[in-house]
Amino acid sequence: MSDWGPVFVAMVLFVLLTPGLLIQIPGKHRFIEFGNFQTSGASVLVHSILYFALVCIFLLAVGVHVYIGS
């Protein structure tokens, strides 16, 4: 059995934290913009830091594990 927890957490966070898909921090006109499908260098940096922090929290502190086996 292999542990699919890190793969699942990384994939979900990557999709949710893609700049401009759901939210963009900082936005072009406001601090937070929702669903504008645009991005900037600052928002990529902020989303990368958030992604790294959340992956560390979920994988190291919480210890998410998903085992799939037959």
Protein backbone atom coordinates (compact mmCIF):
# COMPACT_ATOMS: atom_id res chain seq x y z
CA MET A 1 0.00 0.00 0.00
CA SER A 2 1.26 3.44 -0.85
CA ASP A 3 0.49 6.72 0.84
CA TRP A 4 -1.47 9.01 -1.51
CA GLY A 5 -2.02 11.74 1.10
CA PRO A 6 0.79 14.05 -0.05
CA VAL A 7 -0.23 13.69 -3.70
CA PHE A 8 -3.89 14.42 -2.94
CA VAL A 9 -3.13 17.42 -0.68
CA ALA A 10 -0.66 18.92 -3.17
CA MET A 11 -3.06 18.50 -6.10
CA VAL A 12 -6.07 20.01 -4.32
CA LEU A 13 -4.09 22.96 -2.98
CA PHE A 14 -2.50 23.58 -6.39
CA VAL A 15 -5.90 23.77 -8.06
CA LEU A 16 -7.45 25.91 -5.32
CA LEU A 17 -4.50 28.30 -5.03
CA THR A 18 -3.92 28.91 -8.73
CA PRO A 19 -3.83 32.72 -8.94
CA GLY A 20 -6.95 34.11 -10.57
CA LEU A 21 -8.93 30.87 -10.65
CA LEU A 22 -10.89 31.25 -7.42
CA ILE A 23 -9.16 34.18 -5.75
CA GLN A 24 -6.27 36.53 -6.45
CA ILE A 25 -4.29 38.05 -3.60
CA PRO A 26 -3.32 40.92 -4.21
CA GLY A 27 -5.72 41.81 -7.00
CA LYS A 28 -5.35 44.44 -9.69
CA HIS A 29 -7.96 46.83 -8.26
CA ARG A 30 -8.70 45.44 -4.78
CA PHE A 31 -6.70 43.47 -2.24
CA ILE A 32 -8.71 40.29 -2.89
CA GLU A 33 -10.46 39.63 -6.19
CA PHE A 34 -12.60 36.59 -6.95
CA GLY A 35 -12.63 34.66 -10.24
CA ASN A 36 -11.03 37.27 -12.50
CA PHE A 37 -8.77 34.77 -14.40
CA GLN A 38 -5.85 37.22 -14.30
CA THR A 39 -2.53 37.07 -12.51
CA SER A 40 0.50 39.16 -11.68
CA GLY A 41 3.98 38.55 -10.34
CA ALA A 42 2.98 39.66 -6.84
CA SER A 43 0.00 37.31 -6.75
CA VAL A 44 2.14 34.38 -7.93
CA LEU A 45 4.57 35.08 -5.08
CA VAL A 46 1.80 35.36 -2.47
CA HIS A 47 0.04 32.21 -3.69
CA SER A 48 3.35 30.29 -3.73
CA ILE A 49 4.04 31.24 -0.12
CA LEU A 50 0.49 30.25 0.89
CA TYR A 51 0.82 26.95 -0.99
CA PHE A 52 4.12 26.10 0.73
CA ALA A 53 2.77 27.01 4.16
CA LEU A 54 -0.44 24.99 3.75
CA VAL A 55 1.40 21.95 2.33
CA CYS A 56 3.76 22.04 5.32
CA ILE A 57 0.86 22.32 7.75
CA PHE A 58 -1.20 19.51 6.21
CA LEU A 59 1.68 17.10 5.60
CA LEU A 60 3.97 17.72 8.56
CA ALA A 61 1.79 19.05 11.38
CA VAL A 62 -1.54 17.33 10.69
CA GLY A 63 -0.09 14.29 8.93
CA VAL A 64 -2.67 13.60 6.23
CA HIS A 65 -2.44 10.00 5.03
CA VAL A 66 -4.57 8.29 2.37
CA TYR A 67 -3.92 4.60 1.77
CA ILE A 68 -5.40 2.93 -1.30
CA GLY A 69 -4.93 -0.77 -1.67
CA SER A 70 -6.73 -3.91 -2.63
